[in-house]
């Protein structure tokens, strides 16, 4: 037994206005979340001609586009390592940075803390 009469039509006007600026800020905070088509609409462009391309998401590493269900590619080998070799012990933590790289990282972190 249906919960409502199938002839019932429910429609209403939303009292909340669409906030495009807020939508853009949310998309910029998580650029992998919107699809290619959603990014295109925010930019005032038509959806992609290829529907499969329009459904792709930006992948967070280097911002490449792909399906969220795809298996991520293995990381590239460390310099001087043959492909498929295990990473060197200790990984590439902060201790692996040069003094200049560490200073750049600290400047960037300080700049990010000052952002509104």
N, C-alpha and C. Protein backbone atom coordinates (compact mmCIF):
# COMPACT_ATOMS: atom_id res chain seq x y z
N UNK A 1 0.84 -1.17 0.00
CA UNK A 1 0.00 0.00 0.00
C UNK A 1 0.89 1.24 0.00
N UNK A 2 0.73 2.14 -0.99
CA UNK A 2 1.59 3.33 -1.04
C UNK A 2 1.30 4.27 0.12
N UNK A 3 2.35 4.99 0.54
CA UNK A 3 2.21 5.91 1.66
C UNK A 3 1.37 7.13 1.26
N UNK A 4 1.51 7.58 0.01
CA UNK A 4 0.76 8.74 -0.47
C UNK A 4 0.03 8.38 -1.75
N UNK A 5 -0.94 9.14 -2.08
CA UNK A 5 -1.68 8.98 -3.33
C UNK A 5 -0.73 9.24 -4.50
N UNK A 6 -0.62 8.35 -5.51
CA UNK A 6 0.31 8.56 -6.62
C UNK A 6 -0.02 9.80 -7.45
N UNK A 7 -1.20 10.34 -7.29
CA UNK A 7 -1.56 11.57 -8.02
C UNK A 7 -1.07 12.82 -7.33
N UNK A 8 -0.52 12.67 -6.12
CA UNK A 8 -0.04 13.81 -5.35
C UNK A 8 1.24 14.37 -5.98
N UNK A 9 1.29 15.68 -6.16
CA UNK A 9 2.47 16.36 -6.68
C UNK A 9 2.92 17.34 -5.61
N UNK A 10 4.17 17.21 -5.21
CA UNK A 10 4.70 18.07 -4.17
C UNK A 10 5.75 18.99 -4.79
N UNK A 11 5.60 20.28 -4.63
CA UNK A 11 6.54 21.25 -5.16
C UNK A 11 6.54 22.46 -4.24
N UNK A 12 7.70 23.08 -4.09
CA UNK A 12 7.78 24.29 -3.29
C UNK A 12 8.95 25.13 -3.76
N UNK A 13 8.90 26.40 -3.49
CA UNK A 13 10.01 27.30 -3.79
C UNK A 13 10.87 27.38 -2.54
N UNK A 14 12.17 27.15 -2.71
CA UNK A 14 13.08 27.18 -1.58
C UNK A 14 13.25 28.61 -1.06
N UNK A 15 13.14 28.80 0.24
CA UNK A 15 13.35 30.15 0.79
C UNK A 15 14.83 30.52 0.87
N UNK A 16 15.71 29.55 0.64
CA UNK A 16 17.15 29.79 0.71
C UNK A 16 17.67 30.13 -0.68
N UNK A 17 18.31 31.30 -0.80
CA UNK A 17 18.86 31.71 -2.08
C UNK A 17 20.13 30.92 -2.38
N UNK A 18 20.37 30.66 -3.65
CA UNK A 18 21.58 29.97 -4.08
C UNK A 18 22.76 30.91 -3.87
N UNK A 19 23.80 30.44 -3.19
CA UNK A 19 24.98 31.24 -2.91
C UNK A 19 26.15 30.69 -3.71
N UNK A 20 26.36 31.23 -4.91
CA UNK A 20 27.41 30.74 -5.81
C UNK A 20 28.79 30.93 -5.21
N UNK A 21 29.01 32.05 -4.51
CA UNK A 21 30.33 32.31 -3.93
C UNK A 21 30.66 31.27 -2.86
N UNK A 22 29.68 30.92 -2.03
CA UNK A 22 29.90 29.90 -1.01
C UNK A 22 30.16 28.54 -1.65
N UNK A 23 29.42 28.24 -2.71
CA UNK A 23 29.65 26.99 -3.43
C UNK A 23 31.06 26.91 -4.00
N UNK A 24 31.55 28.03 -4.54
CA UNK A 24 32.91 28.06 -5.09
C UNK A 24 33.94 27.89 -3.98
N UNK A 25 33.74 28.56 -2.85
CA UNK A 25 34.69 28.41 -1.73
C UNK A 25 34.72 26.96 -1.23
N UNK A 26 33.56 26.33 -1.17
CA UNK A 26 33.51 24.93 -0.73
C UNK A 26 34.23 24.04 -1.74
N UNK A 27 34.06 24.30 -3.02
CA UNK A 27 34.73 23.51 -4.06
C UNK A 27 36.23 23.72 -4.01
N UNK A 28 36.68 24.95 -3.73
CA UNK A 28 38.11 25.22 -3.65
C UNK A 28 38.74 24.54 -2.43
N UNK A 29 37.97 24.36 -1.37
CA UNK A 29 38.48 23.70 -0.18
C UNK A 29 38.68 22.20 -0.41
N UNK A 30 37.90 21.63 -1.31
CA UNK A 30 38.00 20.19 -1.63
C UNK A 30 37.88 20.04 -3.15
N UNK A 31 38.94 20.42 -3.90
CA UNK A 31 38.82 20.46 -5.36
C UNK A 31 38.57 19.10 -6.01
N UNK A 32 38.77 18.02 -5.29
CA UNK A 32 38.52 16.69 -5.85
C UNK A 32 37.04 16.31 -5.78
N UNK A 33 36.25 17.03 -5.00
CA UNK A 33 34.86 16.65 -4.81
C UNK A 33 33.97 16.94 -6.03
N UNK A 34 34.01 18.13 -6.63
CA UNK A 34 33.14 18.38 -7.80
C UNK A 34 33.64 17.63 -9.03
N UNK A 35 32.71 17.28 -9.90
CA UNK A 35 33.07 16.64 -11.16
C UNK A 35 33.55 17.70 -12.15
N UNK A 36 34.10 17.24 -13.28
CA UNK A 36 34.52 18.16 -14.33
C UNK A 36 33.35 19.05 -14.74
N UNK A 37 32.18 18.43 -14.94
CA UNK A 37 31.00 19.21 -15.35
C UNK A 37 30.61 20.24 -14.28
N UNK A 38 30.69 19.88 -13.01
CA UNK A 38 30.35 20.83 -11.95
C UNK A 38 31.32 22.01 -11.96
N UNK A 39 32.62 21.75 -12.18
CA UNK A 39 33.60 22.83 -12.29
C UNK A 39 33.27 23.71 -13.49
N UNK A 40 32.91 23.07 -14.61
CA UNK A 40 32.61 23.83 -15.82
C UNK A 40 31.39 24.74 -15.61
N UNK A 41 30.36 24.24 -14.93
CA UNK A 41 29.16 25.05 -14.67
C UNK A 41 29.52 26.25 -13.79
N UNK A 42 30.38 26.02 -12.77
CA UNK A 42 30.79 27.13 -11.90
C UNK A 42 31.56 28.19 -12.69
N UNK A 43 32.25 27.76 -13.76
CA UNK A 43 33.02 28.69 -14.59
C UNK A 43 32.16 29.30 -15.69
N UNK A 44 30.87 28.94 -15.74
CA UNK A 44 29.98 29.49 -16.75
C UNK A 44 30.09 28.81 -18.10
N UNK A 45 30.65 27.60 -18.13
CA UNK A 45 30.80 26.86 -19.37
C UNK A 45 29.77 25.74 -19.45
N UNK A 46 29.56 25.27 -20.67
CA UNK A 46 28.65 24.14 -20.88
C UNK A 46 29.31 22.86 -20.37
N UNK A 47 28.52 21.83 -20.03
CA UNK A 47 29.10 20.55 -19.64
C UNK A 47 29.99 19.99 -20.75
N UNK A 48 30.91 19.12 -20.39
CA UNK A 48 31.82 18.51 -21.36
C UNK A 48 31.03 17.75 -22.43
N UNK A 49 31.54 17.76 -23.65
CA UNK A 49 30.85 17.05 -24.73
C UNK A 49 30.82 15.55 -24.47
N UNK A 50 31.89 15.02 -23.90
CA UNK A 50 31.96 13.60 -23.56
C UNK A 50 31.42 13.43 -22.14
N UNK A 51 30.27 12.76 -22.01
CA UNK A 51 29.62 12.61 -20.70
C UNK A 51 30.53 11.89 -19.71
N UNK A 52 31.35 10.94 -20.19
CA UNK A 52 32.25 10.21 -19.29
C UNK A 52 33.29 11.16 -18.70
N UNK A 53 33.77 12.10 -19.49
CA UNK A 53 34.75 13.09 -19.01
C UNK A 53 34.08 13.99 -17.97
N UNK A 54 32.85 14.38 -18.22
CA UNK A 54 32.14 15.25 -17.30
C UNK A 54 31.93 14.66 -15.92
N UNK A 55 31.98 13.34 -15.81
CA UNK A 55 31.77 12.67 -14.52
C UNK A 55 33.07 12.44 -13.75
N UNK A 56 34.21 12.80 -14.33
CA UNK A 56 35.49 12.58 -13.66
C UNK A 56 35.68 13.59 -12.54
N UNK A 57 36.50 13.21 -11.56
CA UNK A 57 36.85 14.07 -10.43
C UNK A 57 38.34 14.37 -10.50
N UNK A 58 38.75 15.55 -10.00
CA UNK A 58 40.17 15.88 -9.90
C UNK A 58 40.79 14.99 -8.83
N UNK A 59 41.92 14.41 -9.15
CA UNK A 59 42.61 13.58 -8.18
C UNK A 59 43.58 14.47 -7.41
N UNK A 60 43.62 14.34 -6.11
CA UNK A 60 44.32 15.28 -5.24
C UNK A 60 45.83 15.37 -5.50
N UNK A 61 46.46 14.35 -6.00
CA UNK A 61 47.89 14.40 -6.23
C UNK A 61 48.18 15.02 -7.59
N UNK A 62 48.62 16.24 -7.60
CA UNK A 62 48.94 16.92 -8.85
C UNK A 62 47.72 17.31 -9.64
N UNK A 63 46.54 17.16 -9.09
CA UNK A 63 45.26 17.46 -9.72
C UNK A 63 45.19 16.88 -11.13
N UNK A 64 45.02 15.58 -11.19
CA UNK A 64 44.72 14.92 -12.46
C UNK A 64 43.28 14.44 -12.36
N UNK A 65 42.64 14.20 -13.48
CA UNK A 65 41.24 13.80 -13.46
C UNK A 65 41.12 12.29 -13.63
N UNK A 66 40.22 11.69 -12.86
CA UNK A 66 40.00 10.25 -12.93
C UNK A 66 38.76 9.89 -12.15
N UNK A 67 38.41 8.62 -12.16
CA UNK A 67 37.26 8.13 -11.41
C UNK A 67 37.68 7.85 -9.98
N UNK A 68 36.81 8.18 -9.03
CA UNK A 68 37.14 7.96 -7.63
C UNK A 68 37.25 6.48 -7.30
N UNK A 69 36.68 5.62 -8.14
CA UNK A 69 36.75 4.18 -7.91
C UNK A 69 38.05 3.56 -8.41
N UNK A 70 38.84 4.32 -9.20
CA UNK A 70 40.09 3.78 -9.74
C UNK A 70 41.10 3.52 -8.63
N UNK A 71 41.90 2.49 -8.84
CA UNK A 71 42.98 2.18 -7.91
C UNK A 71 44.07 3.24 -8.09
N UNK A 72 44.56 3.86 -7.00
CA UNK A 72 45.60 4.88 -7.17
C UNK A 72 46.89 4.27 -7.71
N UNK A 73 47.60 5.04 -8.51
CA UNK A 73 48.86 4.58 -9.08
C UNK A 73 49.90 4.50 -7.96
N UNK A 74 50.83 3.54 -8.05
CA UNK A 74 51.87 3.46 -7.02
C UNK A 74 52.76 4.69 -7.09
N UNK A 75 53.35 5.10 -5.98
CA UNK A 75 54.21 6.28 -6.00
C UNK A 75 55.44 6.03 -6.86
N UNK A 76 56.00 7.07 -7.46
CA UNK A 76 57.20 6.87 -8.28
C UNK A 76 58.37 6.48 -7.39
N UNK A 77 59.35 5.77 -7.95
CA UNK A 77 60.50 5.37 -7.13
C UNK A 77 61.31 6.59 -6.70
N UNK A 78 61.99 6.47 -5.58
CA UNK A 78 62.87 7.54 -5.11
C UNK A 78 64.01 7.71 -6.11
N UNK A 79 64.59 8.92 -6.20
CA UNK A 79 65.71 9.12 -7.13
C UNK A 79 66.81 8.10 -6.88
N UNK A 80 67.28 7.50 -7.95
CA UNK A 80 68.34 6.50 -7.85
C UNK A 80 67.85 5.10 -7.54
N UNK A 81 66.55 4.94 -7.32
CA UNK A 81 65.99 3.61 -7.02
C UNK A 81 65.41 3.02 -8.30
N UNK A 82 65.56 1.71 -8.53
CA UNK A 82 64.92 1.10 -9.70
C UNK A 82 63.41 1.02 -9.49
N UNK A 83 62.62 1.04 -10.58
CA UNK A 83 61.16 0.92 -10.44
C UNK A 83 60.79 -0.34 -9.68
N UNK A 84 59.83 -0.24 -8.78
CA UNK A 84 59.36 -1.39 -8.01
C UNK A 84 60.16 -1.65 -6.75
N UNK A 85 61.27 -0.91 -6.55
CA UNK A 85 62.09 -1.11 -5.34
C UNK A 85 61.35 -0.53 -4.14
N UNK A 86 61.52 -1.13 -2.97
CA UNK A 86 60.85 -0.58 -1.79
C UNK A 86 61.44 0.80 -1.46
N UNK A 87 60.64 1.66 -0.84
CA UNK A 87 61.16 2.98 -0.50
C UNK A 87 62.30 2.88 0.51
N UNK A 88 63.20 3.85 0.51
CA UNK A 88 64.30 3.78 1.48
C UNK A 88 63.76 3.87 2.90
N UNK A 89 64.47 3.27 3.87
CA UNK A 89 63.98 3.30 5.25
C UNK A 89 63.86 4.74 5.74
N UNK A 90 62.83 4.98 6.53
CA UNK A 90 62.64 6.31 7.09
C UNK A 90 61.81 7.23 6.22
N UNK A 91 61.55 6.83 4.99
CA UNK A 91 60.71 7.63 4.10
C UNK A 91 61.33 9.00 3.82
N UNK A 92 60.48 9.97 3.50
CA UNK A 92 60.95 11.33 3.20
C UNK A 92 60.28 12.30 4.15
N UNK A 93 60.49 12.15 5.41
CA UNK A 93 59.91 13.05 6.39
C UNK A 93 60.63 14.39 6.40
N UNK A 94 60.34 15.19 7.40
CA UNK A 94 60.97 16.51 7.52
C UNK A 94 62.48 16.41 7.63
N UNK A 95 62.98 15.32 8.20
CA UNK A 95 64.42 15.16 8.36
C UNK A 95 65.13 15.09 7.01
N UNK A 96 64.41 14.70 5.95
CA UNK A 96 65.02 14.58 4.63
C UNK A 96 65.10 15.93 3.90
N UNK A 97 64.47 16.99 4.45
CA UNK A 97 64.47 18.29 3.79
C UNK A 97 65.79 19.01 4.03
N UNK A 98 66.19 19.80 3.03
CA UNK A 98 67.36 20.65 3.20
C UNK A 98 66.97 21.82 4.08
N UNK A 99 67.94 22.58 4.53
CA UNK A 99 67.66 23.75 5.37
C UNK A 99 66.81 24.76 4.61
N UNK A 100 67.10 24.96 3.31
CA UNK A 100 66.31 25.90 2.50
C UNK A 100 64.87 25.42 2.34
N UNK A 101 64.69 24.11 2.09
CA UNK A 101 63.34 23.56 1.94
C UNK A 101 62.55 23.69 3.24
N UNK A 102 63.22 23.44 4.36
CA UNK A 102 62.56 23.55 5.65
C UNK A 102 62.17 25.00 5.94
N UNK A 103 63.05 25.96 5.60
CA UNK A 103 62.73 27.37 5.79
C UNK A 103 61.54 27.77 4.92
N UNK A 104 61.50 27.28 3.66
CA UNK A 104 60.36 27.56 2.77
C UNK A 104 59.07 27.01 3.36
N UNK A 105 59.14 25.80 3.90
CA UNK A 105 57.96 25.18 4.49
C UNK A 105 57.46 25.97 5.69
N UNK A 106 58.38 26.45 6.52
CA UNK A 106 57.99 27.25 7.68
C UNK A 106 57.35 28.57 7.25
N UNK A 107 57.92 29.22 6.22
CA UNK A 107 57.34 30.47 5.71
C UNK A 107 55.93 30.24 5.18
N UNK A 108 55.75 29.14 4.44
CA UNK A 108 54.43 28.82 3.89
C UNK A 108 53.43 28.53 5.02
N UNK A 109 53.85 27.80 6.04
CA UNK A 109 52.94 27.50 7.16
C UNK A 109 52.55 28.79 7.89
N UNK A 110 53.51 29.70 8.07
CA UNK A 110 53.20 30.97 8.74
C UNK A 110 52.24 31.78 7.89
N UNK A 111 52.43 31.78 6.58
CA UNK A 111 51.54 32.51 5.69
C UNK A 111 50.12 31.94 5.74
N UNK A 112 50.00 30.62 5.79
CA UNK A 112 48.70 29.97 5.86
C UNK A 112 47.98 30.31 7.17
N UNK A 113 48.71 30.45 8.25
CA UNK A 113 48.10 30.77 9.54
C UNK A 113 47.55 32.19 9.55
N UNK A 114 48.12 33.09 8.74
CA UNK A 114 47.65 34.48 8.69
C UNK A 114 46.44 34.67 7.78
N UNK A 115 46.08 33.65 6.97
CA UNK A 115 44.94 33.78 6.05
C UNK A 115 43.65 33.88 6.85
N UNK A 116 42.70 34.72 6.35
CA UNK A 116 41.41 34.84 7.05
C UNK A 116 40.56 33.59 6.91
